[in-house]
Structure formats: structure tokens, C-alpha cells
Amino acid sequence: MLFSSVLAQATAGQLGMLESFLPFILIIAIFWFLILRPQNKKMKAHREMVANVRRGDTVVTAGGLIGKVAKVKEDDNEIDVDLAEGVRVRVVKSTLTDVRAKGEPAPAEDKKK
């Protein structure tokens, strides 16, 4: 008698296979839509921006340097950037954070004071 009541409680308390994995599936879906998908879009946009760098564009590096592109080296994945008159540095394309086309104004910043 003791074993039959324990067995009845065990079978009544078990959930189906899908019902037990449903919370994990929901967590993975939420993780995908809130974290992975936006990050993939951002990475794709950055790759396109770096691939479309042209001579004369104004660029901002990850170190905060702002300069004009003097030469684009397609095979080395590097560019030469003029920071000031007579100052030219080589920069790896993937370290660019912003590219502004020729004549494009700097983005307006909200000043809160």
C-alpha cells in the first residue's frame, strides 16, 4: 500500500517533457531578442561602415583621435589618417568608431546645463 500511494504521487506530479523545458526555451528566446540579435545588427552595421571608408572621409578612432583619411590600404586592412598638418598615422580599420563622409557635419549633441 505504501508503494502504490508513492507511485501515484510521483506520476501525478511529473510534467511533460515540453512543459519542463518551456522555461528554458523562453529564457533562450528572450536572450536572443534582447541581447544577441541587436548586437549582431550593430556588428553588421560597423563592418559595412568600415568597408565603405574612402579617401577624404573624416574618421574617429577608438582612442578618440579625429582625422581625415589620406590613403586606404585594401590589402592591409589599414588606413592612413591625417590628424594635423604633417602628422599622419596608420590606423587599423576595425578600430574606427565613426565615419563621416566628405562635407558631412558632426552630429549635434544635446547640451544639458
PDB file of N, CA and C in Angstrom:
ATOM      1  N   MET A   1       0.804  -1.181   0.000  1.00  0.00           N
ATOM      2  CA  MET A   1       0.000   0.000   0.000  1.00  0.00           C
ATOM      3  C   MET A   1       0.857   1.259   0.000  1.00  0.00           C
ATOM      4  N   LEU A   2       1.918   1.261   0.731  1.00  0.00           N
ATOM      5  CA  LEU A   2       2.774   2.426   0.803  1.00  0.00           C
ATOM      6  C   LEU A   2       3.393   2.733  -0.561  1.00  0.00           C
ATOM      7  N   PHE A   3       3.819   1.693  -1.274  1.00  0.00           N
ATOM      8  CA  PHE A   3       4.448   1.903  -2.568  1.00  0.00           C
ATOM      9  C   PHE A   3       3.462   2.390  -3.614  1.00  0.00           C
ATOM     10  N   SER A   4       2.236   1.934  -3.562  1.00  0.00           N
ATOM     11  CA  SER A   4       1.253   2.362  -4.563  1.00  0.00           C
ATOM     12  C   SER A   4       0.894   3.837  -4.384  1.00  0.00           C
ATOM     13  N   SER A   5       0.813   4.333  -3.157  1.00  0.00           N
ATOM     14  CA  SER A   5       0.494   5.747  -2.946  1.00  0.00           C
ATOM     15  C   SER A   5       1.676   6.642  -3.348  1.00  0.00           C
ATOM     16  N   VAL A   6       2.903   6.182  -3.105  1.00  0.00           N
ATOM     17  CA  VAL A   6       4.087   6.943  -3.513  1.00  0.00           C
ATOM     18  C   VAL A   6       4.170   6.981  -5.033  1.00  0.00           C
ATOM     19  N   LEU A   7       3.898   5.882  -5.685  1.00  0.00           N
ATOM     20  CA  LEU A   7       3.933   5.817  -7.140  1.00  0.00           C
ATOM     21  C   LEU A   7       2.851   6.701  -7.745  1.00  0.00           C
ATOM     22  N   ALA A   8       1.686   6.759  -7.149  1.00  0.00           N
ATOM     23  CA  ALA A   8       0.608   7.606  -7.653  1.00  0.00           C
ATOM     24  C   ALA A   8       0.968   9.079  -7.517  1.00  0.00           C
ATOM     25  N   GLN A   9       1.597   9.446  -6.419  1.00  0.00           N
ATOM     26  CA  GLN A   9       2.007  10.837  -6.237  1.00  0.00           C
ATOM     27  C   GLN A   9       3.110  11.208  -7.225  1.00  0.00           C
ATOM     28  N   ALA A  10       4.020  10.306  -7.509  1.00  0.00           N
ATOM     29  CA  ALA A  10       5.133  10.585  -8.418  1.00  0.00           C
ATOM     30  C   ALA A  10       4.634  10.786  -9.846  1.00  0.00           C
ATOM     31  N   THR A  11       3.707   9.977 -10.303  1.00  0.00           N
ATOM     32  CA  THR A  11       3.201  10.117 -11.672  1.00  0.00           C
ATOM     33  C   THR A  11       2.297  11.330 -11.799  1.00  0.00           C
ATOM     34  N   ALA A  12       1.591  11.696 -10.750  1.00  0.00           N
ATOM     35  CA  ALA A  12       0.706  12.855 -10.818  1.00  0.00           C
ATOM     36  C   ALA A  12       1.511  14.154 -10.788  1.00  0.00           C
ATOM     37  N   GLY A  13       2.674  14.147 -10.158  1.00  0.00           N
ATOM     38  CA  GLY A  13       3.483  15.356 -10.042  1.00  0.00           C
ATOM     39  C   GLY A  13       4.408  15.598 -11.218  1.00  0.00           C
ATOM     40  N   GLN A  14       4.606  14.643 -12.087  1.00  0.00           N
ATOM     41  CA  GLN A  14       5.522  14.817 -13.209  1.00  0.00           C
ATOM     42  C   GLN A  14       4.888  15.666 -14.293  1.00  0.00           C
ATOM     43  N   LEU A  15       5.716  16.527 -14.877  1.00  0.00           N
ATOM     44  CA  LEU A  15       5.259  17.332 -16.005  1.00  0.00           C
ATOM     45  C   LEU A  15       5.722  16.666 -17.285  1.00  0.00           C
ATOM     46  N   GLY A  16       5.097  17.030 -18.358  1.00  0.00           N
ATOM     47  CA  GLY A  16       5.525  16.505 -19.643  1.00  0.00           C
ATOM     48  C   GLY A  16       6.892  17.060 -20.018  1.00  0.00           C
ATOM     49  N   MET A  17       7.511  16.449 -21.005  1.00  0.00           N
ATOM     50  CA  MET A  17       8.854  16.845 -21.419  1.00  0.00           C
ATOM     51  C   MET A  17       8.860  18.297 -21.911  1.00  0.00           C
ATOM     52  N   LEU A  18       7.875  18.675 -22.701  1.00  0.00           N
ATOM     53  CA  LEU A  18       7.804  20.032 -23.228  1.00  0.00           C
ATOM     54  C   LEU A  18       7.558  21.041 -22.112  1.00  0.00           C
ATOM     55  N   GLU A  19       6.703  20.705 -21.195  1.00  0.00           N
ATOM     56  CA  GLU A  19       6.395  21.612 -20.093  1.00  0.00           C
ATOM     57  C   GLU A  19       7.586  21.831 -19.178  1.00  0.00           C
ATOM     58  N   SER A  20       8.461  20.867 -19.061  1.00  0.00           N
ATOM     59  CA  SER A  20       9.626  21.033 -18.194  1.00  0.00           C
ATOM     60  C   SER A  20      10.713  21.878 -18.864  1.00  0.00           C
ATOM     61  N   PHE A  21      10.788  21.841 -20.198  1.00  0.00           N
ATOM     62  CA  PHE A  21      11.791  22.624 -20.913  1.00  0.00           C
ATOM     63  C   PHE A  21      11.277  23.996 -21.337  1.00  0.00           C
ATOM     64  N   LEU A  22      10.002  24.251 -21.164  1.00  0.00           N
ATOM     65  CA  LEU A  22       9.410  25.520 -21.601  1.00  0.00           C
ATOM     66  C   LEU A  22      10.066  26.742 -20.954  1.00  0.00           C
ATOM     67  N   PRO A  23      10.371  26.768 -19.673  1.00  0.00           N
ATOM     68  CA  PRO A  23      11.052  27.950 -19.108  1.00  0.00           C
ATOM     69  C   PRO A  23      12.425  28.192 -19.744  1.00  0.00           C
ATOM     70  N   PHE A  24      13.175  27.139 -20.017  1.00  0.00           N
ATOM     71  CA  PHE A  24      14.480  27.296 -20.648  1.00  0.00           C
ATOM     72  C   PHE A  24      14.356  27.825 -22.069  1.00  0.00           C
ATOM     73  N   ILE A  25      13.370  27.341 -22.780  1.00  0.00           N
ATOM     74  CA  ILE A  25      13.137  27.810 -24.144  1.00  0.00           C
ATOM     75  C   ILE A  25      12.749  29.286 -24.138  1.00  0.00           C
ATOM     76  N   LEU A  26      11.916  29.691 -23.192  1.00  0.00           N
ATOM     77  CA  LEU A  26      11.532  31.101 -23.088  1.00  0.00           C
ATOM     78  C   LEU A  26      12.724  31.983 -22.723  1.00  0.00           C
ATOM     79  N   ILE A  27      13.579  31.523 -21.829  1.00  0.00           N
ATOM     80  CA  ILE A  27      14.768  32.298 -21.448  1.00  0.00           C
ATOM     81  C   ILE A  27      15.692  32.470 -22.646  1.00  0.00           C
ATOM     82  N   ILE A  28      15.891  31.417 -23.418  1.00  0.00           N
ATOM     83  CA  ILE A  28      16.744  31.493 -24.603  1.00  0.00           C
ATOM     84  C   ILE A  28      16.144  32.441 -25.631  1.00  0.00           C
ATOM     85  N   ALA A  29      14.847  32.400 -25.824  1.00  0.00           N
ATOM     86  CA  ALA A  29      14.194  33.307 -26.790  1.00  0.00           C
ATOM     87  C   ALA A  29      14.334  34.760 -26.349  1.00  0.00           C
ATOM     88  N   ILE A  30      14.123  35.028 -25.087  1.00  0.00           N
ATOM     89  CA  ILE A  30      14.268  36.393 -24.570  1.00  0.00           C
ATOM     90  C   ILE A  30      15.711  36.857 -24.706  1.00  0.00           C
ATOM     91  N   PHE A  31      16.661  35.994 -24.390  1.00  0.00           N
ATOM     92  CA  PHE A  31      18.089  36.305 -24.525  1.00  0.00           C
ATOM     93  C   PHE A  31      18.428  36.645 -25.970  1.00  0.00           C
ATOM     94  N   TRP A  32      17.878  35.867 -26.906  1.00  0.00           N
ATOM     95  CA  TRP A  32      18.143  36.109 -28.332  1.00  0.00           C
ATOM     96  C   TRP A  32      17.612  37.469 -28.770  1.00  0.00           C
ATOM     97  N   PHE A  33      16.370  37.778 -28.449  1.00  0.00           N
ATOM     98  CA  PHE A  33      15.763  39.013 -28.934  1.00  0.00           C
ATOM     99  C   PHE A  33      16.261  40.262 -28.219  1.00  0.00           C
ATOM    100  N   LEU A  34      16.675  40.166 -26.975  1.00  0.00           N
ATOM    101  CA  LEU A  34      17.118  41.348 -26.244  1.00  0.00           C
ATOM    102  C   LEU A  34      18.620  41.587 -26.300  1.00  0.00           C
ATOM    103  N   ILE A  35      19.420  40.540 -26.524  1.00  0.00           N
ATOM    104  CA  ILE A  35      20.870  40.708 -26.472  1.00  0.00           C
ATOM    105  C   ILE A  35      21.550  40.333 -27.786  1.00  0.00           C
ATOM    106  N   LEU A  36      21.386  39.130 -28.246  1.00  0.00           N
ATOM    107  CA  LEU A  36      22.142  38.650 -29.402  1.00  0.00           C
ATOM    108  C   LEU A  36      21.749  39.313 -30.715  1.00  0.00           C
ATOM    109  N   ARG A  37      20.478  39.428 -30.978  1.00  0.00           N
ATOM    110  CA  ARG A  37      20.020  39.998 -32.257  1.00  0.00           C
ATOM    111  C   ARG A  37      20.430  41.463 -32.421  1.00  0.00           C
ATOM    112  N   PRO A  38      20.232  42.334 -31.429  1.00  0.00           N
ATOM    113  CA  PRO A  38      20.691  43.718 -31.580  1.00  0.00           C
ATOM    114  C   PRO A  38      22.209  43.828 -31.718  1.00  0.00           C
ATOM    115  N   GLN A  39      22.941  42.986 -31.011  1.00  0.00           N
ATOM    116  CA  GLN A  39      24.397  43.027 -31.113  1.00  0.00           C
ATOM    117  C   GLN A  39      24.853  42.603 -32.503  1.00  0.00           C
ATOM    118  N   ASN A  40      24.207  41.601 -33.092  1.00  0.00           N
ATOM    119  CA  ASN A  40      24.558  41.178 -34.442  1.00  0.00           C
ATOM    120  C   ASN A  40      24.275  42.283 -35.452  1.00  0.00           C
ATOM    121  N   LYS A  41      23.162  42.993 -35.294  1.00  0.00           N
ATOM    122  CA  LYS A  41      22.850  44.108 -36.189  1.00  0.00           C
ATOM    123  C   LYS A  41      23.894  45.215 -36.067  1.00  0.00           C
ATOM    124  N   LYS A  42      24.305  45.507 -34.845  1.00  0.00           N
ATOM    125  CA  LYS A  42      25.299  46.542 -34.619  1.00  0.00           C
ATOM    126  C   LYS A  42      26.644  46.157 -35.247  1.00  0.00           C
ATOM    127  N   MET A  43      27.040  44.904 -35.113  1.00  0.00           N
ATOM    128  CA  MET A  43      28.294  44.437 -35.698  1.00  0.00           C
ATOM    129  C   MET A  43      28.249  44.497 -37.223  1.00  0.00           C
ATOM    130  N   LYS A  44      27.123  44.147 -37.805  1.00  0.00           N
ATOM    131  CA  LYS A  44      26.973  44.190 -39.257  1.00  0.00           C
ATOM    132  C   LYS A  44      27.063  45.631 -39.763  1.00  0.00           C
ATOM    133  N   ALA A  45      26.429  46.554 -39.071  1.00  0.00           N
ATOM    134  CA  ALA A  45      26.487  47.961 -39.467  1.00  0.00           C
ATOM    135  C   ALA A  45      27.916  48.497 -39.354  1.00  0.00           C
ATOM    136  N   HIS A  46      28.652  48.095 -38.321  1.00  0.00           N
ATOM    137  CA  HIS A  46      30.040  48.534 -38.157  1.00  0.00           C
ATOM    138  C   HIS A  46      30.921  47.994 -39.281  1.00  0.00           C
ATOM    139  N   ARG A  47      30.735  46.719 -39.645  1.00  0.00           N
ATOM    140  CA  ARG A  47      31.512  46.139 -40.747  1.00  0.00           C
ATOM    141  C   ARG A  47      31.256  46.878 -42.051  1.00  0.00           C
ATOM    142  N   GLU A  48      29.995  47.212 -42.331  1.00  0.00           N
ATOM    143  CA  GLU A  48      29.662  47.954 -43.545  1.00  0.00           C
ATOM    144  C   GLU A  48      30.274  49.351 -43.519  1.00  0.00           C
ATOM    145  N   MET A  49      30.229  50.008 -42.364  1.00  0.00           N
ATOM    146  CA  MET A  49      30.791  51.344 -42.232  1.00  0.00           C
ATOM    147  C   MET A  49      32.293  51.317 -42.502  1.00  0.00           C
ATOM    148  N   VAL A  50      32.988  50.353 -41.937  1.00  0.00           N
ATOM    149  CA  VAL A  50      34.436  50.249 -42.118  1.00  0.00           C
ATOM    150  C   VAL A  50      34.778  49.885 -43.562  1.00  0.00           C
ATOM    151  N   ALA A  51      33.982  49.048 -44.177  1.00  0.00           N
ATOM    152  CA  ALA A  51      34.252  48.644 -45.561  1.00  0.00           C
ATOM    153  C   ALA A  51      34.059  49.802 -46.529  1.00  0.00           C
ATOM    154  N   ASN A  52      33.243  50.783 -46.188  1.00  0.00           N
ATOM    155  CA  ASN A  52      32.941  51.895 -47.094  1.00  0.00           C
ATOM    156  C   ASN A  52      33.765  53.146 -46.821  1.00  0.00           C
ATOM    157  N   VAL A  53      34.861  53.026 -46.070  1.00  0.00           N
ATOM    158  CA  VAL A  53      35.725  54.180 -45.796  1.00  0.00           C
ATOM    159  C   VAL A  53      36.422  54.584 -47.094  1.00  0.00           C
ATOM    160  N   ARG A  54      36.386  55.869 -47.398  1.00  0.00           N
ATOM    161  CA  ARG A  54      37.006  56.408 -48.617  1.00  0.00           C
ATOM    162  C   ARG A  54      37.961  57.528 -48.263  1.00  0.00           C
ATOM    163  N   ARG A  55      38.833  57.839 -49.202  1.00  0.00           N
ATOM    164  CA  ARG A  55      39.783  58.931 -49.030  1.00  0.00           C
ATOM    165  C   ARG A  55      39.006  60.242 -48.876  1.00  0.00           C
ATOM    166  N   GLY A  56      39.388  61.041 -47.902  1.00  0.00           N
ATOM    167  CA  GLY A  56      38.732  62.316 -47.653  1.00  0.00           C
ATOM    168  C   GLY A  56      37.681  62.276 -46.565  1.00  0.00           C
ATOM    169  N   ASP A  57      37.267  61.091 -46.146  1.00  0.00           N
ATOM    170  CA  ASP A  57      36.286  60.966 -45.063  1.00  0.00           C
ATOM    171  C   ASP A  57      36.916  61.381 -43.736  1.00  0.00           C
ATOM    172  N   THR A  58      36.114  61.935 -42.860  1.00  0.00           N
ATOM    173  CA  THR A  58      36.557  62.236 -41.507  1.00  0.00           C
ATOM    174  C   THR A  58      36.218  61.036 -40.636  1.00  0.00           C
ATOM    175  N   VAL A  59      37.212  60.557 -39.873  1.00  0.00           N
ATOM    176  CA  VAL A  59      37.011  59.363 -39.058  1.00  0.00           C
ATOM    177  C   VAL A  59      37.343  59.666 -37.599  1.00  0.00           C
ATOM    178  N   VAL A  60      36.730  58.878 -36.713  1.00  0.00           N
ATOM    179  CA  VAL A  60      37.015  58.929 -35.284  1.00  0.00           C
ATOM    180  C   VAL A  60      37.479  57.536 -34.886  1.00  0.00           C
ATOM    181  N   THR A  61      38.645  57.452 -34.247  1.00  0.00           N
ATOM    182  CA  THR A  61      39.168  56.161 -33.826  1.00  0.00           C
ATOM    183  C   THR A  61      38.672  55.821 -32.430  1.00  0.00           C
ATOM    184  N   ALA A  62      38.926  54.585 -32.027  1.00  0.00           N
ATOM    185  CA  ALA A  62      38.522  54.142 -30.687  1.00  0.00           C
ATOM    186  C   ALA A  62      39.281  54.904 -29.600  1.00  0.00           C
ATOM    187  N   GLY A  63      40.454  55.423 -29.936  1.00  0.00           N
ATOM    188  CA  GLY A  63      41.229  56.204 -28.975  1.00  0.00           C
ATOM    189  C   GLY A  63      40.784  57.642 -28.885  1.00  0.00           C
ATOM    190  N   GLY A  64      39.838  58.051 -29.726  1.00  0.00           N
ATOM    191  CA  GLY A  64      39.317  59.402 -29.681  1.00  0.00           C
ATOM    192  C   GLY A  64      39.988  60.361 -30.644  1.00  0.00           C
ATOM    193  N   LEU A  65      40.866  59.864 -31.509  1.00  0.00           N
ATOM    194  CA  LEU A  65      41.531  60.714 -32.486  1.00  0.00           C
ATOM    195  C   LEU A  65      40.605  60.983 -33.656  1.00  0.00           C
ATOM    196  N   ILE A  66      40.569  62.241 -34.102  1.00  0.00           N
ATOM    197  CA  ILE A  66      39.739  62.634 -35.231  1.00  0.00           C
ATOM    198  C   ILE A  66      40.663  63.110 -36.339  1.00  0.00           C
ATOM    199  N   GLY A  67      40.455  62.586 -37.530  1.00  0.00           N
ATOM    200  CA  GLY A  67      41.298  62.979 -38.639  1.00  0.00           C
ATOM    201  C   GLY A  67      40.657  62.657 -39.972  1.00  0.00           C
ATOM    202  N   LYS A  68      41.351  63.046 -41.045  1.00  0.00           N
ATOM    203  CA  LYS A  68      40.874  62.781 -42.406  1.00  0.00           C
ATOM    204  C   LYS A  68      41.654  61.630 -42.993  1.00  0.00           C
ATOM    205  N   VAL A  69      40.955  60.784 -43.732  1.00  0.00           N
ATOM    206  CA  VAL A  69      41.584  59.640 -44.369  1.00  0.00           C
ATOM    207  C   VAL A  69      42.415  60.136 -45.543  1.00  0.00           C
ATOM    208  N   ALA A  70      43.709  59.798 -45.528  1.00  0.00           N
ATOM    209  CA  ALA A  70      44.599  60.200 -46.602  1.00  0.00           C
ATOM    210  C   ALA A  70      44.785  59.073 -47.612  1.00  0.00           C
ATOM    211  N   LYS A  71      44.791  57.831 -47.135  1.00  0.00           N
ATOM    212  CA  LYS A  71      45.033  56.699 -48.023  1.00  0.00           C
ATOM    213  C   LYS A  71      44.363  55.466 -47.435  1.00  0.00           C
ATOM    214  N   VAL A  72      43.678  54.711 -48.280  1.00  0.00           N
ATOM    215  CA  VAL A  72      43.039  53.477 -47.856  1.00  0.00           C
ATOM    216  C   VAL A  72      43.835  52.318 -48.434  1.00  0.00           C
ATOM    217  N   LYS A  73      44.291  51.424 -47.568  1.00  0.00           N
ATOM    218  CA  LYS A  73      45.044  50.245 -47.998  1.00  0.00           C
ATOM    219  C   LYS A  73      44.121  49.040 -47.889  1.00  0.00           C
ATOM    220  N   GLU A  74      43.620  48.572 -49.004  1.00  0.00           N
ATOM    221  CA  GLU A  74      42.635  47.486 -49.010  1.00  0.00           C
ATOM    222  C   GLU A  74      43.246  46.158 -48.574  1.00  0.00           C
ATOM    223  N   ASP A  75      44.468  45.874 -48.999  1.00  0.00           N
ATOM    224  CA  ASP A  75      45.045  44.568 -48.709  1.00  0.00           C
ATOM    225  C   ASP A  75      45.543  44.444 -47.271  1.00  0.00           C
ATOM    226  N   ASP A  76      45.962  45.547 -46.654  1.00  0.00           N
ATOM    227  CA  ASP A  76      46.484  45.504 -45.289  1.00  0.00           C
ATOM    228  C   ASP A  76      45.418  45.724 -44.233  1.00  0.00           C
ATOM    229  N   ASN A  77      44.220  46.113 -44.652  1.00  0.00           N
ATOM    230  CA  ASN A  77      43.131  46.428 -43.728  1.00  0.00           C
ATOM    231  C   ASN A  77      43.512  47.594 -42.819  1.00  0.00           C
ATOM    232  N   GLU A  78      44.295  48.525 -43.361  1.00  0.00           N
ATOM    233  CA  GLU A  78      44.719  49.706 -42.627  1.00  0.00           C
ATOM    234  C   GLU A  78      44.436  50.948 -43.456  1.00  0.00           C
ATOM    235  N   ILE A  79      44.413  52.090 -42.777  1.00  0.00           N
ATOM    236  CA  ILE A  79      44.263  53.367 -43.463  1.00  0.00           C
ATOM    237  C   ILE A  79      45.281  54.345 -42.892  1.00  0.00           C
ATOM    238  N   ASP A  80      45.645  55.319 -43.697  1.00  0.00           N
ATOM    239  CA  ASP A  80      46.487  56.421 -43.235  1.00  0.00           C
ATOM    240  C   ASP A  80      45.571  57.585 -42.932  1.00  0.00           C
ATOM    241  N   VAL A  81      45.728  58.169 -41.744  1.00  0.00           N
ATOM    242  CA  VAL A  81      44.864  59.259 -41.296  1.00  0.00           C
ATOM    243  C   VAL A  81      45.729  60.478 -40.998  1.00  0.00           C
ATOM    244  N   ASP A  82      45.333  61.627 -41.564  1.00  0.00           N
ATOM    245  CA  ASP A  82      45.981  62.900 -41.258  1.00  0.00           C
ATOM    246  C   ASP A  82      45.298  63.506 -40.041  1.00  0.00           C
ATOM    247  N   LEU A  83      46.049  63.616 -38.939  1.00  0.00           N
ATOM    248  CA  LEU A  83      45.500  64.201 -37.716  1.00  0.00           C
ATOM    249  C   LEU A  83      45.663  65.709 -37.710  1.00  0.00           C
ATOM    250  N   ALA A  84      46.788  66.166 -38.200  1.00  0.00           N
ATOM    251  CA  ALA A  84      47.082  67.588 -38.296  1.00  0.00           C
ATOM    252  C   ALA A  84      48.020  67.762 -39.489  1.00  0.00           C
ATOM    253  N   GLU A  85      48.382  68.980 -39.767  1.00  0.00           N
ATOM    254  CA  GLU A  85      49.266  69.225 -40.895  1.00  0.00           C
ATOM    255  C   GLU A  85      50.631  68.601 -40.597  1.00  0.00           C
ATOM    256  N   GLY A  86      51.031  67.675 -41.439  1.00  0.00           N
ATOM    257  CA  GLY A  86      52.311  67.000 -41.269  1.00  0.00           C
ATOM    258  C   GLY A  86      52.285  65.829 -40.304  1.00  0.00           C
ATOM    259  N   VAL A  87      51.134  65.480 -39.770  1.00  0.00           N
ATOM    260  CA  VAL A  87      51.023  64.350 -38.834  1.00  0.00           C
ATOM    261  C   VAL A  87      50.120  63.299 -39.468  1.00  0.00           C
ATOM    262  N   ARG A  88      50.720  62.168 -39.836  1.00  0.00           N
ATOM    263  CA  ARG A  88      49.964  61.085 -40.471  1.00  0.00           C
ATOM    264  C   ARG A  88      50.207  59.801 -39.676  1.00  0.00           C
ATOM    265  N   VAL A  89      49.141  59.106 -39.348  1.00  0.00           N
ATOM    266  CA  VAL A  89      49.247  57.849 -38.602  1.00  0.00           C
ATOM    267  C   VAL A  89      48.549  56.737 -39.370  1.00  0.00           C
ATOM    268  N   ARG A  90      49.023  55.518 -39.135  1.00  0.00           N
ATOM    269  CA  ARG A  90      48.362  54.338 -39.703  1.00  0.00           C
ATOM    270  C   ARG A  90      47.397  53.782 -38.662  1.00  0.00           C
ATOM    271  N   VAL A  91      46.192  53.499 -39.101  1.00  0.00           N
ATOM    272  CA  VAL A  91      45.145  53.035 -38.194  1.00  0.00           C
ATOM    273  C   VAL A  91      44.539  51.760 -38.765  1.00  0.00           C
ATOM    274  N   VAL A  92      44.296  50.792 -37.905  1.00  0.00           N
ATOM    275  CA  VAL A  92      43.592  49.578 -38.310  1.00  0.00           C
ATOM    276  C   VAL A  92      42.119  49.926 -38.486  1.00  0.00           C
ATOM    277  N   LYS A  93      41.531  49.481 -39.594  1.00  0.00           N
ATOM    278  CA  LYS A  93      40.145  49.857 -39.913  1.00  0.00           C
ATOM    279  C   LYS A  93      39.142  49.458 -38.834  1.00  0.00           C
ATOM    280  N   SER A  94      39.348  48.312 -38.219  1.00  0.00           N
ATOM    281  CA  SER A  94      38.363  47.830 -37.243  1.00  0.00           C
ATOM    282  C   SER A  94      38.314  48.678 -35.980  1.00  0.00           C
ATOM    283  N   THR A  95      39.300  49.565 -35.769  1.00  0.00           N
ATOM    284  CA  THR A  95      39.279  50.415 -34.581  1.00  0.00           C
ATOM    285  C   THR A  95      38.519  51.718 -34.796  1.00  0.00           C
ATOM    286  N   LEU A  96      37.950  51.911 -35.982  1.00  0.00           N
ATOM    287  CA  LEU A  96      37.178  53.116 -36.245  1.00  0.00           C
ATOM    288  C   LEU A  96      35.830  53.018 -35.537  1.00  0.00           C
ATOM    289  N   THR A  97      35.427  54.112 -34.905  1.00  0.00           N
ATOM    290  CA  THR A  97      34.131  54.121 -34.228  1.00  0.00           C
ATOM    291  C   THR A  97      33.100  54.936 -34.997  1.00  0.00           C
ATOM    292  N   ASP A  98      33.558  55.892 -35.810  1.00  0.00           N
ATOM    293  CA  ASP A  98      32.629  56.721 -36.570  1.00  0.00           C
ATOM    294  C   ASP A  98      33.298  57.148 -37.860  1.00  0.00           C
ATOM    295  N   VAL A  99      32.521  57.169 -38.930  1.00  0.00           N
ATOM    296  CA  VAL A  99      32.997  57.639 -40.229  1.00  0.00           C
ATOM    297  C   VAL A  99      32.003  58.667 -40.738  1.00  0.00           C
ATOM    298  N   ARG A 100      32.520  59.853 -41.049  1.00  0.00           N
ATOM    299  CA  ARG A 100      31.683  60.907 -41.615  1.00  0.00           C
ATOM    300  C   ARG A 100      32.159  61.160 -43.028  1.00  0.00           C
ATOM    301  N   ALA A 101      31.244  61.175 -43.962  1.00  0.00           N
ATOM    302  CA  ALA A 101      31.598  61.400 -45.358  1.00  0.00           C
ATOM    303  C   ALA A 101      32.075  62.828 -45.553  1.00  0.00           C
ATOM    304  N   LYS A 102      32.664  63.096 -46.703  1.00  0.00           N
ATOM    305  CA  LYS A 102      33.147  64.440 -47.002  1.00  0.00           C
ATOM    306  C   LYS A 102      32.018  65.447 -46.868  1.00  0.00           C
ATOM    307  N   GLY A 103      32.285  66.520 -46.142  1.00  0.00           N
ATOM    308  CA  GLY A 103      31.306  67.590 -46.017  1.00  0.00           C
ATOM    309  C   GLY A 103      30.165  67.309 -45.067  1.00  0.00           C
ATOM    310  N   GLU A 104      30.117  66.134 -44.480  1.00  0.00           N
ATOM    311  CA  GLU A 104      29.035  65.809 -43.547  1.00  0.00           C
ATOM    312  C   GLU A 104      29.334  66.460 -42.196  1.00  0.00           C
ATOM    313  N   PRO A 105      28.399  67.203 -41.636  1.00  0.00           N
ATOM    314  CA  PRO A 105      28.659  67.864 -40.349  1.00  0.00           C
ATOM    315  C   PRO A 105      28.703  66.852 -39.208  1.00  0.00           C
ATOM    316  N   ALA A 106      29.326  67.246 -38.129  1.00  0.00           N
ATOM    317  CA  ALA A 106      29.380  66.405 -36.938  1.00  0.00           C
ATOM    318  C   ALA A 106      27.973  66.300 -36.362  1.00  0.00           C
ATOM    319  N   PRO A 107      27.631  65.157 -35.756  1.00  0.00           N
ATOM    320  CA  PRO A 107      26.295  65.010 -35.164  1.00  0.00           C
ATOM    321  C   PRO A 107      26.105  66.000 -34.023  1.00  0.00           C
ATOM    322  N   ALA A 108      24.888  66.550 -33.927  1.00  0.00           N
ATOM    323  CA  ALA A 108      24.575  67.524 -32.875  1.00  0.00           C
ATOM    324  C   ALA A 108      24.470  66.809 -31.550  1.00  0.00           C
ATOM    325  N   GLU A 109      25.014  67.417 -30.524  1.00  0.00           N
ATOM    326  CA  GLU A 109      24.972  66.853 -29.183  1.00  0.00           C
ATOM    327  C   GLU A 109      23.991  67.662 -28.340  1.00  0.00           C
ATOM    328  N   ASP A 110      23.253  66.969 -27.485  1.00  0.00           N
ATOM    329  CA  ASP A 110      22.352  67.657 -26.564  1.00  0.00           C
ATOM    330  C   ASP A 110      23.164  68.205 -25.407  1.00  0.00           C
ATOM    331  N   LYS A 111      23.057  69.502 -25.180  1.00  0.00           N
ATOM    332  CA  LYS A 111      23.786  70.127 -24.067  1.00  0.00           C
ATOM    333  C   LYS A 111      22.814  70.356 -22.922  1.00  0.00           C
ATOM    334  N   LYS A 112      23.089  69.714 -21.817  1.00  0.00           N
ATOM    335  CA  LYS A 112      22.238  69.867 -20.639  1.00  0.00           C
ATOM    336  C   LYS A 112      23.047  70.580 -19.566  1.00  0.00           C
ATOM    337  N   LYS A 113      22.680  71.769 -19.255  1.00  0.00           N
ATOM    338  CA  LYS A 113      23.379  72.538 -18.208  1.00  0.00           C
ATOM    339  C   LYS A 113      22.394  73.258 -17.355  1.00  0.00           C
TER     340      LYS A 113
END
